[in-house]
Amino acid sequence: MKLTQYKKVIGLVLAAAFASAVTVGTATASPHDGEKSKKGHHFKMIDTNGDGKISNEEHAIAAAKRFSKMDMNGDGFVSKKEMRKHHKKMKEKHKKSCNKS
């Protein structure tokens, strides 16, 4: 695979990973997660300079972090199995945090 194709694939995977993370967070939100202290938590995590906006660079950094968490074997790729395991882990983490309240 050519370097430009590899970069495109990585970009698409990162974008998909970020989108799935945002979707999972939104789709699994429950009514008791609406506390003011938790509102905008994901946004604030990505907005590292705190200017109230997410830049392309901030987005890319967040997506790269998410990708590295999903790439459990560190081979530079995320398999379907790795993605499913990661989503299951995040869902379980969410359930635990919901049960604490």
N, C-alpha and C. Protein backbone atom coordinates (compact mmCIF):
# COMPACT_ATOMS: atom_id res chain seq x y z
N MET A 1 0.85 -1.17 0.00
CA MET A 1 0.00 0.00 0.00
C MET A 1 0.90 1.24 0.00
N LYS A 2 0.56 2.21 -0.82
CA LYS A 2 1.32 3.46 -0.89
C LYS A 2 1.11 4.27 0.38
N LEU A 3 2.09 5.11 0.68
CA LEU A 3 2.03 5.93 1.90
C LEU A 3 0.77 6.80 1.93
N THR A 4 0.41 7.41 0.79
CA THR A 4 -0.78 8.27 0.77
C THR A 4 -2.05 7.46 1.04
N GLN A 5 -2.11 6.24 0.51
CA GLN A 5 -3.27 5.39 0.76
C GLN A 5 -3.31 5.00 2.24
N TYR A 6 -2.16 4.69 2.79
CA TYR A 6 -2.07 4.32 4.21
C TYR A 6 -2.55 5.47 5.08
N LYS A 7 -2.13 6.70 4.76
CA LYS A 7 -2.56 7.86 5.53
C LYS A 7 -4.07 8.04 5.44
N LYS A 8 -4.64 7.83 4.26
CA LYS A 8 -6.08 7.95 4.09
C LYS A 8 -6.82 6.91 4.94
N VAL A 9 -6.31 5.67 4.92
CA VAL A 9 -6.94 4.60 5.68
C VAL A 9 -6.87 4.92 7.17
N ILE A 10 -5.70 5.34 7.64
CA ILE A 10 -5.54 5.70 9.05
C ILE A 10 -6.49 6.85 9.40
N GLY A 11 -6.58 7.85 8.54
CA GLY A 11 -7.48 8.98 8.78
C GLY A 11 -8.93 8.52 8.89
N LEU A 12 -9.34 7.64 8.01
CA LEU A 12 -10.71 7.12 8.04
C LEU A 12 -10.97 6.30 9.29
N VAL A 13 -9.99 5.48 9.67
CA VAL A 13 -10.15 4.66 10.87
C VAL A 13 -10.24 5.56 12.10
N LEU A 14 -9.38 6.57 12.16
CA LEU A 14 -9.42 7.49 13.30
C LEU A 14 -10.75 8.23 13.37
N ALA A 15 -11.22 8.69 12.21
CA ALA A 15 -12.50 9.39 12.18
C ALA A 15 -13.64 8.46 12.61
N ALA A 16 -13.60 7.22 12.13
CA ALA A 16 -14.64 6.25 12.50
C ALA A 16 -14.57 5.93 13.98
N ALA A 17 -13.35 5.80 14.50
CA ALA A 17 -13.19 5.51 15.93
C ALA A 17 -13.74 6.64 16.77
N PHE A 18 -13.42 7.86 16.39
CA PHE A 18 -13.91 9.01 17.15
C PHE A 18 -15.42 9.09 17.07
N ALA A 19 -15.95 8.91 15.86
CA ALA A 19 -17.40 8.98 15.68
C ALA A 19 -18.10 7.90 16.48
N SER A 20 -17.52 6.71 16.50
CA SER A 20 -18.16 5.63 17.27
C SER A 20 -18.08 5.92 18.75
N ALA A 21 -17.00 6.52 19.20
CA ALA A 21 -16.87 6.86 20.62
C ALA A 21 -17.91 7.89 21.02
N VAL A 22 -18.10 8.89 20.17
CA VAL A 22 -19.10 9.92 20.45
C VAL A 22 -20.49 9.31 20.40
N THR A 23 -20.74 8.45 19.41
CA THR A 23 -22.04 7.82 19.27
C THR A 23 -22.35 6.92 20.45
N VAL A 24 -21.37 6.12 20.87
CA VAL A 24 -21.58 5.23 22.01
C VAL A 24 -21.88 6.06 23.25
N GLY A 25 -21.14 7.12 23.46
CA GLY A 25 -21.37 7.98 24.61
C GLY A 25 -22.75 8.60 24.59
N THR A 26 -23.19 9.04 23.44
CA THR A 26 -24.50 9.67 23.31
C THR A 26 -25.62 8.63 23.40
N ALA A 27 -25.42 7.51 22.72
CA ALA A 27 -26.47 6.50 22.67
C ALA A 27 -26.68 5.82 24.02
N THR A 28 -25.63 5.73 24.83
CA THR A 28 -25.76 5.05 26.10
C THR A 28 -26.06 6.00 27.25
N ALA A 29 -26.22 7.27 26.95
CA ALA A 29 -26.51 8.24 28.01
C ALA A 29 -27.86 7.92 28.63
N SER A 30 -27.92 8.05 29.94
CA SER A 30 -29.18 7.79 30.62
C SER A 30 -29.64 9.05 31.34
N PRO A 31 -30.88 9.10 31.75
CA PRO A 31 -31.41 10.31 32.38
C PRO A 31 -30.60 10.77 33.59
N HIS A 32 -30.06 9.85 34.38
CA HIS A 32 -29.31 10.27 35.55
C HIS A 32 -27.90 10.76 35.22
N ASP A 33 -27.51 10.71 33.94
CA ASP A 33 -26.22 11.24 33.52
C ASP A 33 -26.30 12.72 33.20
N GLY A 34 -27.46 13.33 33.36
CA GLY A 34 -27.64 14.71 32.98
C GLY A 34 -27.22 15.71 34.04
N GLU A 35 -26.47 15.27 35.04
CA GLU A 35 -26.02 16.20 36.07
C GLU A 35 -25.18 17.30 35.44
N LYS A 36 -25.30 18.50 35.97
CA LYS A 36 -24.57 19.64 35.41
C LYS A 36 -23.07 19.40 35.41
N SER A 37 -22.55 18.71 36.41
CA SER A 37 -21.11 18.48 36.49
C SER A 37 -20.61 17.59 35.37
N LYS A 38 -21.49 16.75 34.82
CA LYS A 38 -21.08 15.83 33.76
C LYS A 38 -21.36 16.38 32.36
N LYS A 39 -22.20 17.41 32.28
CA LYS A 39 -22.54 17.95 30.96
C LYS A 39 -21.29 18.49 30.28
N GLY A 40 -21.11 18.11 29.04
CA GLY A 40 -19.98 18.62 28.27
C GLY A 40 -18.65 17.99 28.65
N HIS A 41 -18.67 16.92 29.43
CA HIS A 41 -17.43 16.29 29.89
C HIS A 41 -16.56 15.84 28.71
N HIS A 42 -17.15 15.18 27.73
CA HIS A 42 -16.38 14.71 26.57
C HIS A 42 -15.83 15.89 25.78
N PHE A 43 -16.64 16.90 25.62
CA PHE A 43 -16.19 18.10 24.89
C PHE A 43 -14.98 18.71 25.59
N LYS A 44 -15.09 18.86 26.91
CA LYS A 44 -14.00 19.47 27.67
C LYS A 44 -12.73 18.63 27.60
N MET A 45 -12.88 17.32 27.55
CA MET A 45 -11.71 16.45 27.46
C MET A 45 -10.97 16.67 26.13
N ILE A 46 -11.72 16.90 25.08
CA ILE A 46 -11.12 17.08 23.75
C ILE A 46 -10.61 18.51 23.58
N ASP A 47 -11.34 19.48 24.13
CA ASP A 47 -10.95 20.90 24.04
C ASP A 47 -9.81 21.17 25.03
N THR A 48 -8.62 20.71 24.68
CA THR A 48 -7.49 20.75 25.62
C THR A 48 -7.02 22.16 25.98
N ASN A 49 -7.23 23.13 25.10
CA ASN A 49 -6.79 24.50 25.43
C ASN A 49 -7.90 25.32 26.08
N GLY A 50 -9.10 24.72 26.22
CA GLY A 50 -10.20 25.35 26.93
C GLY A 50 -10.80 26.58 26.28
N ASP A 51 -10.67 26.70 24.95
CA ASP A 51 -11.21 27.89 24.28
C ASP A 51 -12.67 27.74 23.86
N GLY A 52 -13.29 26.61 24.22
CA GLY A 52 -14.69 26.42 23.88
C GLY A 52 -14.92 25.92 22.47
N LYS A 53 -13.84 25.56 21.77
CA LYS A 53 -13.93 25.05 20.40
C LYS A 53 -12.96 23.89 20.27
N ILE A 54 -13.30 22.94 19.41
CA ILE A 54 -12.41 21.83 19.14
C ILE A 54 -11.76 22.05 17.78
N SER A 55 -10.45 22.20 17.80
CA SER A 55 -9.71 22.40 16.55
C SER A 55 -9.48 21.06 15.87
N ASN A 56 -9.06 21.10 14.63
CA ASN A 56 -8.73 19.89 13.89
C ASN A 56 -7.62 19.13 14.62
N GLU A 57 -6.65 19.86 15.15
CA GLU A 57 -5.54 19.23 15.87
C GLU A 57 -6.03 18.55 17.15
N GLU A 58 -6.90 19.22 17.91
CA GLU A 58 -7.44 18.63 19.13
C GLU A 58 -8.26 17.37 18.80
N HIS A 59 -9.03 17.45 17.74
CA HIS A 59 -9.82 16.30 17.30
C HIS A 59 -8.91 15.14 16.92
N ALA A 60 -7.86 15.44 16.17
CA ALA A 60 -6.93 14.40 15.73
C ALA A 60 -6.24 13.73 16.92
N ILE A 61 -5.87 14.52 17.91
CA ILE A 61 -5.21 13.97 19.10
C ILE A 61 -6.17 13.04 19.85
N ALA A 62 -7.40 13.48 20.02
CA ALA A 62 -8.40 12.66 20.71
C ALA A 62 -8.67 11.36 19.94
N ALA A 63 -8.75 11.48 18.61
CA ALA A 63 -9.00 10.30 17.79
C ALA A 63 -7.82 9.33 17.85
N ALA A 64 -6.60 9.86 17.86
CA ALA A 64 -5.41 9.02 17.94
C ALA A 64 -5.37 8.28 19.28
N LYS A 65 -5.75 8.97 20.36
CA LYS A 65 -5.79 8.32 21.68
C LYS A 65 -6.81 7.18 21.68
N ARG A 66 -7.98 7.46 21.12
CA ARG A 66 -9.03 6.43 21.06
C ARG A 66 -8.55 5.25 20.22
N PHE A 67 -7.90 5.54 19.11
CA PHE A 67 -7.40 4.48 18.24
C PHE A 67 -6.39 3.61 18.98
N SER A 68 -5.47 4.25 19.70
CA SER A 68 -4.44 3.48 20.39
C SER A 68 -5.05 2.60 21.49
N LYS A 69 -6.15 3.06 22.10
CA LYS A 69 -6.83 2.23 23.09
C LYS A 69 -7.49 1.02 22.42
N MET A 70 -8.02 1.22 21.23
CA MET A 70 -8.68 0.12 20.53
C MET A 70 -7.68 -0.86 19.93
N ASP A 71 -6.51 -0.38 19.54
CA ASP A 71 -5.47 -1.23 18.94
C ASP A 71 -4.76 -1.99 20.05
N MET A 72 -5.44 -2.99 20.56
CA MET A 72 -4.98 -3.70 21.75
C MET A 72 -3.65 -4.43 21.57
N ASN A 73 -3.36 -4.90 20.36
CA ASN A 73 -2.09 -5.60 20.15
C ASN A 73 -0.99 -4.69 19.62
N GLY A 74 -1.30 -3.42 19.40
CA GLY A 74 -0.30 -2.44 19.00
C GLY A 74 0.28 -2.62 17.61
N ASP A 75 -0.48 -3.25 16.71
CA ASP A 75 0.04 -3.48 15.37
C ASP A 75 -0.26 -2.34 14.39
N GLY A 76 -0.90 -1.29 14.87
CA GLY A 76 -1.21 -0.15 14.00
C GLY A 76 -2.53 -0.29 13.26
N PHE A 77 -3.28 -1.34 13.57
CA PHE A 77 -4.57 -1.57 12.93
C PHE A 77 -5.59 -1.95 14.01
N VAL A 78 -6.85 -1.68 13.74
CA VAL A 78 -7.92 -2.09 14.65
C VAL A 78 -8.77 -3.12 13.91
N SER A 79 -8.78 -4.33 14.45
CA SER A 79 -9.60 -5.38 13.86
C SER A 79 -11.03 -5.25 14.39
N LYS A 80 -11.95 -5.97 13.75
CA LYS A 80 -13.33 -5.97 14.24
C LYS A 80 -13.38 -6.50 15.67
N LYS A 81 -12.57 -7.52 15.95
CA LYS A 81 -12.55 -8.12 17.28
C LYS A 81 -12.07 -7.10 18.31
N GLU A 82 -11.01 -6.35 17.99
CA GLU A 82 -10.51 -5.33 18.90
C GLU A 82 -11.55 -4.24 19.13
N MET A 83 -12.25 -3.83 18.07
CA MET A 83 -13.26 -2.79 18.20
C MET A 83 -14.42 -3.27 19.07
N ARG A 84 -14.86 -4.51 18.84
CA ARG A 84 -15.94 -5.05 19.66
C ARG A 84 -15.53 -5.13 21.13
N LYS A 85 -14.31 -5.59 21.40
CA LYS A 85 -13.82 -5.68 22.78
C LYS A 85 -13.77 -4.31 23.43
N HIS A 86 -13.30 -3.33 22.68
CA HIS A 86 -13.21 -1.97 23.21
C HIS A 86 -14.60 -1.41 23.53
N HIS A 87 -15.53 -1.59 22.62
CA HIS A 87 -16.89 -1.09 22.84
C HIS A 87 -17.54 -1.79 24.03
N LYS A 88 -17.30 -3.10 24.16
CA LYS A 88 -17.85 -3.84 25.30
C LYS A 88 -17.25 -3.30 26.61
N LYS A 89 -15.95 -3.05 26.60
CA LYS A 89 -15.26 -2.51 27.78
C LYS A 89 -15.83 -1.14 28.15
N MET A 90 -16.05 -0.28 27.17
CA MET A 90 -16.58 1.05 27.42
C MET A 90 -18.02 0.98 27.94
N LYS A 91 -18.80 0.05 27.41
CA LYS A 91 -20.18 -0.12 27.84
C LYS A 91 -20.22 -0.57 29.31
N GLU A 92 -19.32 -1.51 29.66
CA GLU A 92 -19.25 -1.98 31.04
C GLU A 92 -18.81 -0.85 31.98
N LYS A 93 -17.86 -0.06 31.54
CA LYS A 93 -17.37 1.07 32.33
C LYS A 93 -18.52 2.06 32.57
N HIS A 94 -19.30 2.31 31.52
CA HIS A 94 -20.44 3.21 31.63
C HIS A 94 -21.47 2.69 32.62
N LYS A 95 -21.76 1.40 32.55
CA LYS A 95 -22.73 0.79 33.46
C LYS A 95 -22.28 0.94 34.91
N LYS A 96 -20.99 0.72 35.16
CA LYS A 96 -20.45 0.85 36.51
C LYS A 96 -20.60 2.28 37.02
N SER A 97 -20.32 3.25 36.16
CA SER A 97 -20.42 4.64 36.59
C SER A 97 -21.88 5.03 36.84
N CYS A 98 -22.81 4.45 36.11
CA CYS A 98 -24.24 4.71 36.31
C CYS A 98 -24.72 4.13 37.62
N ASN A 99 -24.18 2.98 37.99
CA ASN A 99 -24.61 2.31 39.22
C ASN A 99 -24.08 2.99 40.48
N LYS A 100 -23.06 3.82 40.33
CA LYS A 100 -22.49 4.54 41.47
C LYS A 100 -23.40 5.66 41.93
N SER A 101 -24.21 6.21 41.00
CA SER A 101 -25.03 7.36 41.38
C SER A 101 -26.30 6.97 42.07
